[in-house]
């Protein structure tokens, strides 16, 4: 799950996208409506991942 890409697609703006040593730094901002769209997309992605794990487990048994 690429959170930065999901934030961009939700209408948020990436202010900082940098790396210092091995540490990555990202900063985004946007209106509350963008944050809500982002949260909805994260929830959908997590549900899809859980459904895929359940389906994989069912086929293994």
N, C-alpha and C. Protein backbone atom coordinates (compact mmCIF):
# COMPACT_ATOMS: atom_id res chain seq x y z
N UNK A 1 0.85 -1.17 0.00
CA UNK A 1 0.00 0.00 0.00
C UNK A 1 0.90 1.24 0.00
N UNK A 2 0.78 2.05 -1.01
CA UNK A 2 1.59 3.26 -1.16
C UNK A 2 0.80 4.44 -0.59
N UNK A 3 1.06 4.77 0.66
CA UNK A 3 0.29 5.82 1.35
C UNK A 3 0.47 7.19 0.72
N UNK A 4 1.67 7.51 0.25
CA UNK A 4 1.90 8.82 -0.37
C UNK A 4 1.08 8.94 -1.64
N UNK A 5 1.06 7.90 -2.46
CA UNK A 5 0.27 7.93 -3.69
C UNK A 5 -1.22 8.02 -3.37
N UNK A 6 -1.66 7.31 -2.33
CA UNK A 6 -3.06 7.39 -1.93
C UNK A 6 -3.41 8.80 -1.46
N UNK A 7 -2.49 9.44 -0.74
CA UNK A 7 -2.72 10.81 -0.28
C UNK A 7 -2.85 11.76 -1.47
N UNK A 8 -1.98 11.60 -2.46
CA UNK A 8 -2.05 12.44 -3.66
C UNK A 8 -3.38 12.26 -4.37
N UNK A 9 -3.80 11.01 -4.55
CA UNK A 9 -5.06 10.72 -5.24
C UNK A 9 -6.26 11.25 -4.46
N UNK A 10 -6.11 11.40 -3.16
CA UNK A 10 -7.20 11.92 -2.32
C UNK A 10 -7.28 13.43 -2.34
N UNK A 11 -6.32 14.08 -3.00
CA UNK A 11 -6.33 15.53 -3.11
C UNK A 11 -5.39 16.25 -2.16
N UNK A 12 -4.52 15.50 -1.50
CA UNK A 12 -3.57 16.12 -0.60
C UNK A 12 -2.31 16.52 -1.38
N UNK A 13 -1.59 17.49 -0.87
CA UNK A 13 -0.37 17.98 -1.51
C UNK A 13 0.84 17.48 -0.71
N UNK A 14 1.83 16.94 -1.41
CA UNK A 14 3.06 16.49 -0.77
C UNK A 14 3.98 17.70 -0.63
N UNK A 15 4.27 18.06 0.61
CA UNK A 15 5.13 19.21 0.88
C UNK A 15 6.59 18.81 1.02
N UNK A 16 6.82 17.63 1.55
CA UNK A 16 8.18 17.16 1.81
C UNK A 16 8.27 15.72 1.39
N UNK A 17 9.25 15.41 0.59
CA UNK A 17 9.51 14.04 0.15
C UNK A 17 11.03 13.92 0.06
N UNK A 18 11.64 13.48 1.16
CA UNK A 18 13.11 13.50 1.23
C UNK A 18 13.64 12.27 1.96
N UNK A 19 14.94 12.06 1.80
CA UNK A 19 15.63 10.99 2.50
C UNK A 19 16.91 11.54 3.08
N UNK A 20 17.12 11.27 4.35
CA UNK A 20 18.37 11.62 5.02
C UNK A 20 18.93 10.32 5.57
N UNK A 21 20.04 9.89 5.01
CA UNK A 21 20.58 8.59 5.38
C UNK A 21 19.61 7.51 4.94
N UNK A 22 19.23 6.64 5.85
CA UNK A 22 18.28 5.58 5.51
C UNK A 22 16.85 5.95 5.90
N UNK A 23 16.66 7.10 6.50
CA UNK A 23 15.33 7.53 6.97
C UNK A 23 14.61 8.33 5.90
N UNK A 24 13.37 7.94 5.60
CA UNK A 24 12.54 8.67 4.64
C UNK A 24 11.62 9.63 5.40
N UNK A 25 11.43 10.81 4.83
CA UNK A 25 10.56 11.82 5.42
C UNK A 25 9.52 12.25 4.39
N UNK A 26 8.27 12.29 4.81
CA UNK A 26 7.17 12.71 3.94
C UNK A 26 6.25 13.60 4.76
N UNK A 27 5.73 14.63 4.12
CA UNK A 27 4.78 15.51 4.77
C UNK A 27 3.72 15.88 3.74
N UNK A 28 2.46 15.77 4.12
CA UNK A 28 1.35 16.11 3.23
C UNK A 28 0.41 17.06 3.95
N UNK A 29 -0.33 17.83 3.16
CA UNK A 29 -1.36 18.68 3.75
C UNK A 29 -2.52 18.77 2.79
N UNK A 30 -3.64 19.18 3.30
CA UNK A 30 -4.82 19.32 2.46
C UNK A 30 -6.03 19.59 3.33
N UNK A 31 -7.15 19.83 2.69
CA UNK A 31 -8.38 20.10 3.44
C UNK A 31 -8.90 18.84 4.13
N UNK A 32 -9.78 19.04 5.07
CA UNK A 32 -10.36 17.94 5.84
C UNK A 32 -11.06 16.94 4.92
N UNK A 33 -11.67 17.42 3.86
CA UNK A 33 -12.35 16.52 2.92
C UNK A 33 -11.35 15.56 2.27
N UNK A 34 -10.14 16.04 2.00
CA UNK A 34 -9.10 15.17 1.44
C UNK A 34 -8.66 14.13 2.47
N UNK A 35 -8.56 14.55 3.70
CA UNK A 35 -8.20 13.61 4.77
C UNK A 35 -9.26 12.53 4.90
N UNK A 36 -10.52 12.88 4.77
CA UNK A 36 -11.60 11.90 4.85
C UNK A 36 -11.52 10.92 3.68
N UNK A 37 -11.28 11.44 2.47
CA UNK A 37 -11.14 10.56 1.30
C UNK A 37 -9.94 9.62 1.49
N UNK A 38 -8.84 10.15 2.03
CA UNK A 38 -7.65 9.33 2.29
C UNK A 38 -7.98 8.22 3.30
N UNK A 39 -8.65 8.57 4.37
CA UNK A 39 -9.01 7.58 5.39
C UNK A 39 -9.92 6.51 4.80
N UNK A 40 -10.87 6.90 3.96
CA UNK A 40 -11.75 5.94 3.31
C UNK A 40 -10.97 4.98 2.42
N UNK A 41 -10.01 5.51 1.66
CA UNK A 41 -9.20 4.68 0.77
C UNK A 41 -8.32 3.71 1.56
N UNK A 42 -7.75 4.17 2.66
CA UNK A 42 -6.93 3.28 3.50
C UNK A 42 -7.81 2.16 4.06
N UNK A 43 -9.00 2.50 4.51
CA UNK A 43 -9.92 1.49 5.02
C UNK A 43 -10.28 0.45 3.96
N UNK A 44 -10.55 0.90 2.74
CA UNK A 44 -10.86 -0.02 1.64
C UNK A 44 -9.67 -0.92 1.33
N UNK A 45 -8.47 -0.35 1.33
CA UNK A 45 -7.27 -1.13 1.03
C UNK A 45 -7.03 -2.18 2.11
N UNK A 46 -7.22 -1.82 3.36
CA UNK A 46 -7.04 -2.78 4.44
C UNK A 46 -8.07 -3.90 4.37
N UNK A 47 -9.31 -3.55 4.04
CA UNK A 47 -10.36 -4.56 3.90
C UNK A 47 -10.04 -5.51 2.74
N UNK A 48 -9.54 -4.97 1.65
CA UNK A 48 -9.18 -5.81 0.50
C UNK A 48 -8.03 -6.75 0.85
N UNK A 49 -7.04 -6.25 1.58
CA UNK A 49 -5.93 -7.10 2.00
C UNK A 49 -6.40 -8.21 2.92
N UNK A 50 -7.30 -7.88 3.84
CA UNK A 50 -7.82 -8.89 4.77
C UNK A 50 -8.62 -9.94 4.00
N UNK A 51 -9.43 -9.52 3.04
CA UNK A 51 -10.22 -10.47 2.24
C UNK A 51 -9.30 -11.38 1.44
N UNK A 52 -8.22 -10.83 0.91
CA UNK A 52 -7.27 -11.64 0.14
C UNK A 52 -6.59 -12.68 1.05
N UNK A 53 -6.23 -12.28 2.27
CA UNK A 53 -5.62 -13.23 3.21
C UNK A 53 -6.59 -14.35 3.56
N UNK A 54 -7.86 -14.00 3.77
CA UNK A 54 -8.87 -15.00 4.10
C UNK A 54 -9.05 -15.97 2.93
N UNK A 55 -9.10 -15.43 1.71
CA UNK A 55 -9.24 -16.27 0.53
C UNK A 55 -8.04 -17.18 0.37
N UNK A 56 -6.84 -16.66 0.60
CA UNK A 56 -5.64 -17.50 0.51
C UNK A 56 -5.66 -18.61 1.54
N UNK A 57 -6.08 -18.28 2.76
CA UNK A 57 -6.13 -19.28 3.83
C UNK A 57 -7.15 -20.36 3.51
N UNK A 58 -8.26 -19.98 2.88
CA UNK A 58 -9.30 -20.95 2.54
C UNK A 58 -8.82 -21.91 1.45
N UNK A 59 -8.01 -21.44 0.53
CA UNK A 59 -7.53 -22.29 -0.54
C UNK A 59 -6.41 -23.21 -0.08
N UNK A 60 -5.73 -22.84 1.01
CA UNK A 60 -4.64 -23.67 1.53
C UNK A 60 -5.14 -24.87 2.30
N UNK A 61 -6.34 -24.84 2.79
CA UNK A 61 -6.86 -25.96 3.60
C UNK A 61 -7.67 -26.93 2.81
